[in-house]
N, C-alpha and C. Protein backbone atom coordinates (compact mmCIF):
# COMPACT_ATOMS: atom_id res chain seq x y z
N MET A 1 1.93 20.51 -56.16
CA MET A 1 2.97 19.59 -55.75
C MET A 1 4.23 19.50 -55.67
N MET A 2 4.66 21.19 -56.07
CA MET A 2 5.54 21.79 -55.75
C MET A 2 5.55 21.67 -54.21
N TYR A 3 4.52 22.22 -53.51
CA TYR A 3 4.61 22.46 -52.14
C TYR A 3 4.49 20.70 -51.72
N ARG A 4 4.19 19.91 -52.02
CA ARG A 4 4.18 18.62 -51.27
C ARG A 4 5.88 18.04 -51.45
N LEU A 5 6.42 18.38 -52.54
CA LEU A 5 8.01 17.80 -52.77
C LEU A 5 8.74 18.96 -51.66
N LEU A 6 8.55 19.83 -51.30
CA LEU A 6 8.60 21.11 -50.76
C LEU A 6 8.50 19.69 -48.86
N ALA A 7 7.25 20.02 -49.05
CA ALA A 7 6.59 18.92 -47.62
C ALA A 7 7.53 17.74 -47.27
N VAL A 8 7.58 17.07 -48.41
CA VAL A 8 8.61 16.07 -48.13
C VAL A 8 9.79 16.18 -47.81
N ALA A 9 10.73 17.39 -48.50
CA ALA A 9 12.21 17.32 -48.43
C ALA A 9 12.34 17.65 -46.86
N MET A 10 11.09 18.63 -46.50
CA MET A 10 11.33 18.91 -45.03
C MET A 10 11.49 17.79 -43.92
N LEU A 11 10.71 17.31 -44.37
CA LEU A 11 10.12 15.97 -43.53
C LEU A 11 11.24 15.20 -43.25
N ALA A 12 11.74 14.83 -44.55
CA ALA A 12 13.31 13.95 -44.42
C ALA A 12 14.13 14.98 -43.83
N SER A 13 14.27 16.07 -43.96
CA SER A 13 15.84 16.42 -43.09
C SER A 13 15.40 17.00 -41.92
N ALA A 14 14.42 16.56 -41.23
CA ALA A 14 13.97 16.57 -39.64
C ALA A 14 14.28 15.20 -39.45
N CYS A 15 14.93 14.16 -39.76
CA CYS A 15 15.46 13.13 -39.17
C CYS A 15 16.22 13.20 -38.05
N GLY A 16 15.74 12.38 -36.93
CA GLY A 16 16.83 12.60 -36.05
C GLY A 16 16.83 13.46 -35.17
N THR A 17 15.32 14.36 -35.41
CA THR A 17 14.90 15.77 -33.98
C THR A 17 13.38 14.91 -33.75
N VAL A 18 13.22 15.64 -32.63
CA VAL A 18 11.57 15.34 -32.54
C VAL A 18 11.11 16.83 -31.70
N SER A 19 10.34 17.05 -32.35
CA SER A 19 9.97 18.81 -31.50
C SER A 19 11.46 19.29 -31.12
N GLY A 20 12.18 19.90 -32.17
CA GLY A 20 13.25 20.48 -32.08
C GLY A 20 14.16 19.59 -31.13
N ARG A 21 14.03 18.42 -30.67
CA ARG A 21 14.91 17.52 -30.09
C ARG A 21 16.00 17.02 -30.81
N SER A 22 17.72 16.61 -30.36
CA SER A 22 17.89 15.69 -31.18
C SER A 22 17.92 14.35 -30.74
N ALA A 23 18.73 13.81 -31.59
CA ALA A 23 17.94 12.07 -30.61
C ALA A 23 19.16 11.69 -29.55
N ASP A 24 20.24 12.70 -29.27
CA ASP A 24 21.16 12.09 -28.32
C ASP A 24 20.11 12.08 -27.02
N ALA A 25 20.94 11.78 -26.21
CA ALA A 25 20.48 11.97 -24.57
C ALA A 25 20.18 13.53 -24.27
N SER A 26 19.52 14.52 -24.82
CA SER A 26 19.51 15.83 -23.91
C SER A 26 18.16 16.32 -24.72
N VAL A 27 17.84 16.93 -24.02
CA VAL A 27 17.23 17.86 -23.88
C VAL A 27 17.11 19.19 -23.87
N ASP A 28 16.66 19.90 -25.02
CA ASP A 28 16.80 21.38 -25.19
C ASP A 28 18.06 21.71 -24.93
N GLY A 29 19.13 20.93 -25.40
CA GLY A 29 20.58 21.51 -25.36
C GLY A 29 21.32 21.20 -23.96
N VAL A 30 20.43 20.45 -22.95
CA VAL A 30 21.02 19.74 -21.69
C VAL A 30 20.78 18.42 -21.89
N ALA A 31 22.12 17.82 -21.49
CA ALA A 31 22.46 16.40 -21.61
C ALA A 31 21.40 16.25 -20.46
N SER A 32 21.14 14.80 -20.31
CA SER A 32 20.03 13.70 -19.85
C SER A 32 21.00 12.63 -19.33
N ALA A 33 20.44 12.30 -17.75
CA ALA A 33 21.07 10.98 -17.41
C ALA A 33 20.82 9.81 -18.37
N VAL A 34 20.82 9.13 -18.27
CA VAL A 34 21.18 7.52 -18.40
C VAL A 34 21.38 7.01 -17.39
N THR A 35 20.61 5.62 -17.06
CA THR A 35 20.40 4.47 -16.10
C THR A 35 21.13 3.88 -16.31
N TRP A 36 22.49 3.49 -15.24
CA TRP A 36 23.28 2.69 -15.39
C TRP A 36 22.67 1.64 -14.90
N ARG A 37 22.93 0.16 -15.14
CA ARG A 37 22.49 -1.00 -13.78
C ARG A 37 23.67 -2.33 -13.88
N ASN A 38 23.34 -2.96 -13.32
CA ASN A 38 24.01 -4.16 -13.11
C ASN A 38 23.16 -5.44 -13.46
N GLN A 39 23.49 -6.50 -13.94
CA GLN A 39 22.64 -7.53 -14.34
C GLN A 39 22.37 -8.11 -12.38
N PRO A 40 21.26 -7.97 -12.35
CA PRO A 40 20.53 -8.47 -10.80
C PRO A 40 21.25 -10.04 -10.19
N ALA A 41 21.84 -9.86 -9.37
CA ALA A 41 22.92 -11.51 -8.98
C ALA A 41 22.72 -11.13 -7.52
N ASP A 42 23.09 -12.29 -7.36
CA ASP A 42 23.33 -12.76 -5.32
C ASP A 42 24.77 -12.15 -4.81
N VAL A 43 24.82 -11.92 -3.91
CA VAL A 43 26.24 -11.26 -2.86
C VAL A 43 26.72 -12.55 -2.05
N PRO A 44 27.79 -13.02 -2.04
CA PRO A 44 27.99 -14.31 -1.72
C PRO A 44 27.54 -13.85 0.00
N MET A 45 27.25 -15.25 0.40
CA MET A 45 27.16 -15.32 2.28
C MET A 45 28.35 -14.84 3.23
N LEU A 46 27.41 -14.07 3.77
CA LEU A 46 28.61 -13.57 5.17
C LEU A 46 28.19 -14.03 6.60
N THR A 47 28.97 -14.74 7.62
CA THR A 47 28.51 -15.41 8.51
C THR A 47 28.47 -14.11 9.81
N PHE A 48 28.13 -13.83 10.57
CA PHE A 48 28.23 -13.06 11.93
C PHE A 48 27.32 -13.93 13.04
N GLY A 49 27.58 -13.03 14.25
CA GLY A 49 27.34 -13.83 15.49
C GLY A 49 28.29 -14.63 16.12
N GLY A 50 27.78 -15.50 16.71
CA GLY A 50 28.69 -16.24 17.74
C GLY A 50 29.33 -15.64 18.96
N THR A 51 30.74 -15.79 19.42
CA THR A 51 30.72 -15.26 20.76
C THR A 51 31.43 -13.60 20.61
N ASP A 52 30.95 -13.21 21.51
CA ASP A 52 31.11 -11.77 21.56
C ASP A 52 32.41 -11.65 22.21
N ALA A 53 32.73 -10.04 22.53
CA ALA A 53 34.22 -9.85 23.00
C ALA A 53 34.52 -10.43 24.06
N LEU A 54 33.44 -10.40 25.27
CA LEU A 54 33.54 -10.89 26.22
C LEU A 54 33.41 -12.54 26.59
N GLY A 55 33.00 -13.37 25.64
CA GLY A 55 33.30 -14.67 25.56
C GLY A 55 31.78 -15.44 25.88
N THR A 56 30.64 -14.32 25.68
CA THR A 56 29.65 -14.98 25.69
C THR A 56 28.69 -15.56 24.65
N PRO A 57 28.65 -16.54 24.67
CA PRO A 57 28.08 -17.50 23.26
C PRO A 57 27.02 -17.07 22.55
N HIS A 58 26.49 -16.58 21.66
CA HIS A 58 25.31 -16.31 20.89
C HIS A 58 25.20 -16.82 19.71
N CYS A 59 23.83 -16.80 19.30
CA CYS A 59 23.87 -17.56 17.88
C CYS A 59 24.64 -17.04 16.83
N LYS A 60 25.30 -17.99 15.38
CA LYS A 60 25.70 -17.62 14.48
C LYS A 60 24.59 -17.54 13.47
N TYR A 61 24.74 -16.73 12.51
CA TYR A 61 23.68 -16.52 11.51
C TYR A 61 24.11 -15.97 10.15
N THR A 62 23.74 -16.20 9.09
CA THR A 62 24.15 -15.88 8.11
C THR A 62 23.27 -15.21 7.09
N ILE A 63 23.93 -14.28 6.10
CA ILE A 63 23.15 -13.04 5.47
C ILE A 63 23.47 -13.47 4.18
N THR A 64 22.64 -13.73 3.50
CA THR A 64 23.44 -12.93 2.14
C THR A 64 21.75 -12.43 1.26
N MET A 65 22.37 -11.73 0.27
CA MET A 65 21.53 -10.57 -0.40
C MET A 65 21.18 -11.01 -1.94
N LYS A 66 20.09 -11.50 -1.94
CA LYS A 66 19.79 -12.12 -3.34
C LYS A 66 19.25 -11.32 -4.54
N GLN A 67 19.47 -11.06 -5.29
CA GLN A 67 18.68 -10.31 -6.68
C GLN A 67 19.20 -8.93 -6.41
N LEU A 68 20.41 -8.41 -6.01
CA LEU A 68 21.22 -7.27 -5.93
C LEU A 68 20.67 -6.46 -7.53
N ASP A 69 20.25 -5.42 -7.13
CA ASP A 69 19.89 -5.04 -8.19
C ASP A 69 19.95 -3.16 -8.32
N VAL A 70 21.15 -2.76 -8.75
CA VAL A 70 21.74 -1.20 -8.68
C VAL A 70 21.34 -0.49 -9.98
N GLN A 71 20.82 0.49 -9.42
CA GLN A 71 20.43 1.30 -11.09
C GLN A 71 20.75 3.09 -10.53
N LEU A 72 21.59 3.38 -11.18
CA LEU A 72 21.89 4.69 -11.07
C LEU A 72 21.90 6.00 -12.53
N ALA A 73 21.62 6.87 -12.11
CA ALA A 73 21.34 7.76 -13.36
C ALA A 73 22.35 8.55 -13.24
N ILE A 74 23.39 8.11 -14.43
CA ILE A 74 24.67 9.16 -14.78
C ILE A 74 24.11 9.94 -15.89
N LEU A 75 24.70 11.29 -15.50
CA LEU A 75 24.98 12.49 -16.80
C LEU A 75 26.55 12.31 -17.51
N PRO A 76 26.30 12.40 -19.17
CA PRO A 76 27.93 12.26 -19.52
C PRO A 76 28.90 12.53 -18.94
N SER A 77 28.69 13.96 -18.12
CA SER A 77 29.92 14.40 -17.45
C SER A 77 30.21 13.55 -16.31
N GLY A 78 29.77 12.34 -16.24
CA GLY A 78 29.62 11.13 -14.92
C GLY A 78 28.77 11.98 -14.00
N GLN A 79 28.16 12.91 -13.75
CA GLN A 79 27.22 13.23 -12.43
C GLN A 79 25.99 12.34 -12.31
N VAL A 80 25.88 11.79 -10.61
CA VAL A 80 24.64 10.94 -10.43
C VAL A 80 23.69 11.70 -10.15
N THR A 81 22.59 11.86 -10.95
CA THR A 81 21.56 12.64 -10.71
C THR A 81 20.35 11.87 -9.70
N SER A 82 19.92 10.69 -9.59
CA SER A 82 19.47 9.67 -9.04
C SER A 82 19.96 8.51 -8.67
N GLY A 83 19.25 7.86 -8.18
CA GLY A 83 20.18 6.05 -8.07
C GLY A 83 18.87 5.06 -6.90
N ARG A 84 19.35 4.40 -7.32
CA ARG A 84 18.27 3.15 -5.96
C ARG A 84 18.79 1.83 -6.43
N VAL A 85 18.91 1.22 -4.93
CA VAL A 85 19.45 -0.06 -4.92
C VAL A 85 18.59 -0.90 -4.16
N GLN A 86 18.33 -2.62 -4.60
CA GLN A 86 16.75 -3.09 -3.66
C GLN A 86 17.80 -4.80 -3.90
N ASP A 87 17.24 -5.37 -3.15
CA ASP A 87 17.95 -6.74 -2.77
C ASP A 87 16.88 -7.66 -1.63
N LEU A 88 16.80 -8.72 -1.69
CA LEU A 88 16.30 -9.82 -0.93
C LEU A 88 17.38 -9.96 0.19
N ASN A 89 16.83 -9.78 1.07
CA ASN A 89 17.68 -9.87 2.74
C ASN A 89 17.48 -11.07 3.09
N VAL A 90 18.08 -12.42 3.13
CA VAL A 90 17.85 -13.63 3.76
C VAL A 90 19.04 -13.81 4.68
N GLU A 91 18.51 -13.85 5.89
CA GLU A 91 19.30 -14.49 6.94
C GLU A 91 18.58 -16.14 7.45
N ALA A 92 20.16 -16.90 7.58
CA ALA A 92 19.52 -18.04 8.33
C ALA A 92 20.55 -18.42 9.53
N VAL A 93 19.81 -19.46 10.51
CA VAL A 93 20.77 -19.80 11.62
C VAL A 93 21.58 -20.49 11.35
N VAL A 94 23.37 -20.48 11.76
CA VAL A 94 24.23 -21.43 11.40
C VAL A 94 23.61 -22.60 12.43
N LEU A 95 23.95 -24.10 11.48
CA LEU A 95 23.67 -25.14 12.66
C LEU A 95 24.43 -25.48 13.18
N SER A 96 24.60 -25.84 14.50
CA SER A 96 25.50 -26.32 15.28
C SER A 96 25.67 -27.90 15.29
N MET A 97 26.79 -28.43 16.17
CA MET A 97 26.61 -29.70 16.25
C MET A 97 25.95 -30.99 17.23
N PRO A 98 25.24 -31.80 16.62
CA PRO A 98 24.81 -32.30 15.63
C PRO A 98 24.38 -31.50 14.50
N PRO A 99 24.43 -31.32 13.00
CA PRO A 99 23.69 -30.39 12.43
C PRO A 99 22.28 -30.78 12.31
N THR A 100 21.50 -31.15 12.98
CA THR A 100 20.28 -31.09 13.04
C THR A 100 19.56 -30.29 13.58
N THR A 101 20.29 -29.93 14.70
CA THR A 101 19.81 -28.45 15.67
C THR A 101 20.57 -27.46 15.73
N PRO A 102 20.12 -26.36 15.76
CA PRO A 102 20.44 -24.96 15.82
C PRO A 102 21.22 -24.42 16.82
N PHE A 103 21.79 -23.73 17.21
CA PHE A 103 22.10 -23.13 18.73
C PHE A 103 20.63 -22.61 19.09
N VAL A 104 20.79 -22.85 20.37
CA VAL A 104 19.77 -22.21 21.38
C VAL A 104 19.10 -20.80 21.14
N CYS A 105 18.88 -20.52 20.43
CA CYS A 105 17.87 -18.69 20.09
C CYS A 105 17.14 -18.12 21.02
N THR A 106 17.14 -17.07 22.05
CA THR A 106 16.62 -16.87 22.93
C THR A 106 16.51 -15.25 22.44
N ALA A 107 15.78 -14.52 23.74
CA ALA A 107 15.99 -13.49 23.46
C ALA A 107 16.77 -12.42 23.32
N THR A 108 17.67 -12.76 23.65
CA THR A 108 19.49 -12.19 23.55
C THR A 108 20.08 -12.97 22.39
N ASN A 109 19.40 -13.64 21.79
CA ASN A 109 19.65 -14.30 20.84
C ASN A 109 18.56 -14.65 19.57
N PRO A 110 17.92 -13.53 19.34
CA PRO A 110 16.74 -13.67 18.30
C PRO A 110 17.12 -14.87 17.45
N MET A 111 15.90 -15.57 16.36
CA MET A 111 15.57 -16.27 15.64
C MET A 111 16.43 -15.24 14.18
N PRO A 112 16.72 -15.28 13.00
CA PRO A 112 17.19 -15.15 12.34
C PRO A 112 15.43 -14.01 11.82
N ILE A 113 15.86 -12.69 10.89
CA ILE A 113 14.85 -12.12 10.35
C ILE A 113 14.23 -12.72 9.04
N ALA A 114 13.19 -12.69 9.13
CA ALA A 114 12.35 -13.13 7.71
C ALA A 114 12.71 -12.42 6.21
N ALA A 115 12.82 -13.48 5.69
CA ALA A 115 13.53 -13.08 4.34
C ALA A 115 12.35 -11.64 3.87
N ASN A 116 12.80 -10.88 3.32
CA ASN A 116 12.28 -9.51 2.93
C ASN A 116 13.11 -8.43 1.96
N ILE A 117 12.62 -7.94 1.43
CA ILE A 117 13.27 -6.91 -0.02
C ILE A 117 13.46 -5.39 1.25
N ALA A 118 15.10 -4.94 0.53
CA ALA A 118 15.58 -3.60 1.60
C ALA A 118 15.40 -2.85 0.29
N THR A 119 15.12 -1.68 0.34
CA THR A 119 15.82 -0.70 -0.70
C THR A 119 16.27 0.57 0.02
N TYR A 120 17.17 1.02 -1.30
CA TYR A 120 17.79 2.34 -0.81
C TYR A 120 17.73 3.40 -1.70
N ASP A 121 17.47 4.27 -1.66
CA ASP A 121 17.66 5.65 -2.39
C ASP A 121 19.10 6.28 -2.08
N LEU A 122 19.32 7.25 -3.33
CA LEU A 122 20.43 8.33 -3.06
C LEU A 122 20.16 8.91 -2.52
N ALA A 123 21.02 9.28 -1.56
CA ALA A 123 20.90 10.54 -0.69
C ALA A 123 21.80 11.70 -1.03
N THR A 124 23.31 11.27 -0.84
CA THR A 124 24.36 12.46 -1.70
C THR A 124 25.33 11.87 -2.16
N THR A 125 26.05 12.87 -2.93
CA THR A 125 26.80 12.52 -3.68
C THR A 125 28.60 13.24 -3.60
N ALA A 126 29.57 12.72 -3.07
CA ALA A 126 30.65 13.62 -3.61
C ALA A 126 32.09 13.34 -3.80
N ALA A 127 32.60 13.81 -4.25
CA ALA A 127 34.26 13.27 -4.84
C ALA A 127 34.84 12.36 -4.17
N GLY A 128 34.90 11.55 -4.44
CA GLY A 128 35.54 10.43 -3.70
C GLY A 128 37.03 9.97 -4.59
N THR A 129 37.86 8.96 -3.75
CA THR A 129 39.34 8.34 -4.65
C THR A 129 39.31 7.91 -6.19
N GLY A 130 39.40 8.55 -6.90
CA GLY A 130 39.08 8.20 -8.32
C GLY A 130 37.66 8.00 -8.85
N GLY A 131 36.31 8.74 -8.32
CA GLY A 131 35.13 8.37 -8.68
C GLY A 131 34.21 9.14 -7.88
N LEU A 132 33.51 8.98 -7.33
CA LEU A 132 32.53 9.29 -6.68
C LEU A 132 32.00 8.68 -5.20
N THR A 133 31.53 9.37 -4.60
CA THR A 133 31.23 8.32 -3.54
C THR A 133 29.55 9.07 -3.06
N LEU A 134 28.84 7.52 -2.83
CA LEU A 134 27.28 7.88 -2.92
C LEU A 134 26.93 7.19 -1.40
N THR A 135 25.78 7.82 -1.11
CA THR A 135 25.67 7.60 0.37
C THR A 135 24.14 7.24 -0.41
N PHE A 136 23.67 6.24 0.67
CA PHE A 136 22.11 6.41 -0.02
C PHE A 136 21.32 6.02 1.67
N GLN A 137 20.03 6.41 1.42
CA GLN A 137 18.94 6.41 2.41
C GLN A 137 18.40 4.62 2.68
N GLY A 138 18.41 4.20 3.68
CA GLY A 138 17.58 2.76 3.33
C GLY A 138 16.26 2.91 3.76
N GLY A 139 15.32 1.90 3.14
CA GLY A 139 13.83 2.40 3.25
C GLY A 139 13.90 2.15 4.63
N ALA A 140 12.63 2.56 5.29
CA ALA A 140 11.86 2.00 6.55
C ALA A 140 12.00 1.02 6.95
N SER A 141 11.32 0.30 6.22
CA SER A 141 10.77 -0.83 6.27
C SER A 141 12.33 -1.86 5.83
N ASN A 142 13.02 -1.82 6.08
CA ASN A 142 13.95 -2.49 5.74
C ASN A 142 15.09 -3.22 7.11
N MET A 143 14.88 -4.50 7.13
CA MET A 143 14.93 -5.61 8.22
C MET A 143 16.35 -6.52 7.71
N PRO A 144 17.19 -6.11 8.48
CA PRO A 144 17.82 -5.48 9.41
C PRO A 144 18.13 -4.46 8.62
N PRO A 145 17.84 -3.19 9.27
CA PRO A 145 18.33 -1.52 8.71
C PRO A 145 20.05 -1.89 9.06
N ALA A 146 20.39 -1.00 7.29
CA ALA A 146 21.48 -0.65 7.37
C ALA A 146 22.01 0.30 7.07
N ALA A 147 23.43 0.81 6.11
CA ALA A 147 23.60 1.88 5.84
C ALA A 147 24.37 1.62 4.22
N LEU A 148 23.98 2.05 3.12
CA LEU A 148 24.68 1.80 2.02
C LEU A 148 26.03 2.95 1.62
N VAL A 149 26.98 2.71 1.04
CA VAL A 149 27.98 3.27 0.48
C VAL A 149 28.37 3.03 -0.72
N ILE A 150 28.27 3.82 -1.82
CA ILE A 150 29.01 3.25 -3.07
C ILE A 150 30.25 4.16 -3.80
N ASP A 151 31.25 3.59 -3.75
CA ASP A 151 32.07 4.09 -4.83
C ASP A 151 31.86 3.52 -6.20
N LEU A 152 31.51 4.88 -6.52
CA LEU A 152 31.92 4.71 -8.22
C LEU A 152 33.19 5.13 -9.04
N THR A 153 33.31 4.31 -9.65
CA THR A 153 34.27 4.45 -10.52
C THR A 153 34.24 4.51 -12.09
N LYS A 154 34.85 5.03 -13.21
CA LYS A 154 34.58 4.71 -14.57
C LYS A 154 35.48 3.91 -14.79
N VAL A 155 35.35 2.70 -15.41
CA VAL A 155 36.21 1.99 -15.82
C VAL A 155 36.33 1.78 -17.58
N GLY A 156 36.97 2.43 -18.25
CA GLY A 156 36.83 2.30 -19.90
C GLY A 156 35.79 3.44 -20.10
N SER A 157 34.83 2.20 -20.66
CA SER A 157 33.25 3.33 -21.00
C SER A 157 32.65 2.77 -20.28
N LEU A 158 32.82 1.69 -19.29
CA LEU A 158 31.63 1.47 -18.40
C LEU A 158 31.90 2.00 -16.82
N TYR A 159 31.27 1.50 -16.38
CA TYR A 159 31.19 1.98 -14.32
C TYR A 159 31.57 1.01 -13.60
N SER A 160 32.13 0.66 -12.29
CA SER A 160 32.07 -0.03 -11.21
C SER A 160 31.92 0.50 -10.41
N ALA A 161 30.98 -0.10 -9.74
CA ALA A 161 30.46 0.35 -7.89
C ALA A 161 30.69 -0.27 -7.30
N LYS A 162 31.35 -0.34 -6.01
CA LYS A 162 31.60 -1.12 -5.35
C LYS A 162 30.72 -0.74 -3.90
N LEU A 163 30.02 -1.15 -3.67
CA LEU A 163 28.81 -1.14 -2.70
C LEU A 163 29.08 -1.63 -1.47
N THR A 164 29.20 -1.33 -0.01
CA THR A 164 29.50 -1.51 1.43
C THR A 164 27.94 -1.16 2.16
N PHE A 165 27.52 -2.18 2.96
CA PHE A 165 26.47 -2.36 3.35
C PHE A 165 26.79 -2.28 5.04
N GLN A 166 26.44 -1.80 5.73
CA GLN A 166 26.89 -1.84 7.22
C GLN A 166 25.59 -2.10 8.13
N ARG A 167 25.43 -3.03 9.02
CA ARG A 167 24.47 -3.33 9.67
C ARG A 167 24.78 -2.80 11.11
N ASN A 168 24.07 -1.72 11.74
CA ASN A 168 23.98 -1.45 12.88
C ASN A 168 22.97 -0.66 13.40
N ASP A 169 21.77 -1.72 14.22
CA ASP A 169 20.54 -1.61 14.31
C ASP A 169 20.81 -1.47 16.10
N GLY A 170 21.82 -0.79 16.50
CA GLY A 170 21.80 -1.23 17.85
C GLY A 170 21.85 -2.19 18.83
N LEU A 171 21.51 -3.77 18.59
CA LEU A 171 21.95 -4.72 19.14
C LEU A 171 23.56 -4.80 19.26
N ASP A 172 23.66 -5.97 19.67
CA ASP A 172 24.79 -6.08 20.59
C ASP A 172 25.96 -6.43 19.12
N PRO A 173 26.88 -5.71 19.36
CA PRO A 173 27.76 -5.72 18.32
C PRO A 173 28.08 -7.00 17.52
N VAL A 174 27.94 -8.00 18.41
CA VAL A 174 28.30 -9.32 17.76
C VAL A 174 27.81 -9.24 16.36
N PHE A 175 26.21 -8.96 16.36
CA PHE A 175 25.34 -8.96 15.26
C PHE A 175 25.47 -7.92 14.49
N GLU A 176 26.37 -7.16 14.28
CA GLU A 176 27.07 -6.00 13.19
C GLU A 176 27.36 -6.94 12.46
N TRP A 177 27.18 -6.57 10.68
CA TRP A 177 28.13 -7.25 9.88
C TRP A 177 28.16 -6.34 8.86
N MET A 178 29.02 -6.30 8.20
CA MET A 178 29.53 -5.33 6.92
C MET A 178 29.94 -6.40 5.97
N VAL A 179 29.03 -6.14 4.49
CA VAL A 179 29.31 -6.84 3.26
C VAL A 179 29.58 -5.88 2.24
N ALA A 180 30.55 -6.52 1.43
CA ALA A 180 30.94 -5.26 0.73
C ALA A 180 30.96 -6.29 -0.84
N THR A 181 30.62 -5.71 -2.13
CA THR A 181 30.63 -6.41 -3.25
C THR A 181 31.05 -5.25 -4.07
N THR A 182 31.21 -5.89 -5.55
CA THR A 182 31.68 -4.95 -6.46
C THR A 182 30.94 -5.35 -7.69
N VAL A 183 30.52 -4.63 -8.30
CA VAL A 183 29.19 -5.13 -9.73
C VAL A 183 29.48 -3.84 -10.77
N PRO A 184 29.71 -4.79 -11.78
CA PRO A 184 29.76 -3.77 -13.13
C PRO A 184 28.30 -3.09 -13.89
N LEU A 185 28.64 -1.82 -13.88
CA LEU A 185 27.33 -1.46 -14.21
C LEU A 185 27.51 -1.17 -15.91
N ALA A 186 26.56 -1.06 -16.95
CA ALA A 186 26.42 -1.03 -18.31
C ALA A 186 24.78 0.15 -18.44
N PRO A 187 24.97 0.48 -19.68
CA PRO A 187 23.84 1.45 -19.46
C PRO A 187 22.93 0.51 -20.55
N PRO A 188 21.70 0.66 -20.91
CA PRO A 188 20.54 0.00 -21.21
C PRO A 188 20.80 -0.47 -22.85
């Protein structure tokens, strides 16, 4: 009976630990990263295309990034250990006058890219102004190809991520665009 009481007392004193690990975000005394993320949302539409620097007319398009989802694994020290960003790219042709006919789109003025999921994985981290600058590698199937940089700053007990997407796939510069948006990140 005495051994049973001793065993119950030992089990009760073990609350908050599992296999010698405390219930906080650490493994063997080393802090573990917590995944911070935004509430997936849409980024406002951006118009691009139109007349180039030489006055040559091109189709006008819009790009809308929908369901933007940012996930960053951040240590208590603020170091980012991994990251992934995903969105649904939706392009459309801007209608001309009258509004039922689009600009004539040809081989030099292609039709919009079909809606598709774009993914980006963390490539590098560096100290930046007031926080970290994170660069991401776009997935091979992303259409259109774009670079992604995130400026991450701590705001009180939360994080703010300013995302800048830059299209540059070698087409005419009139088709290049830059989309910037800022999202708040919170732990789970």
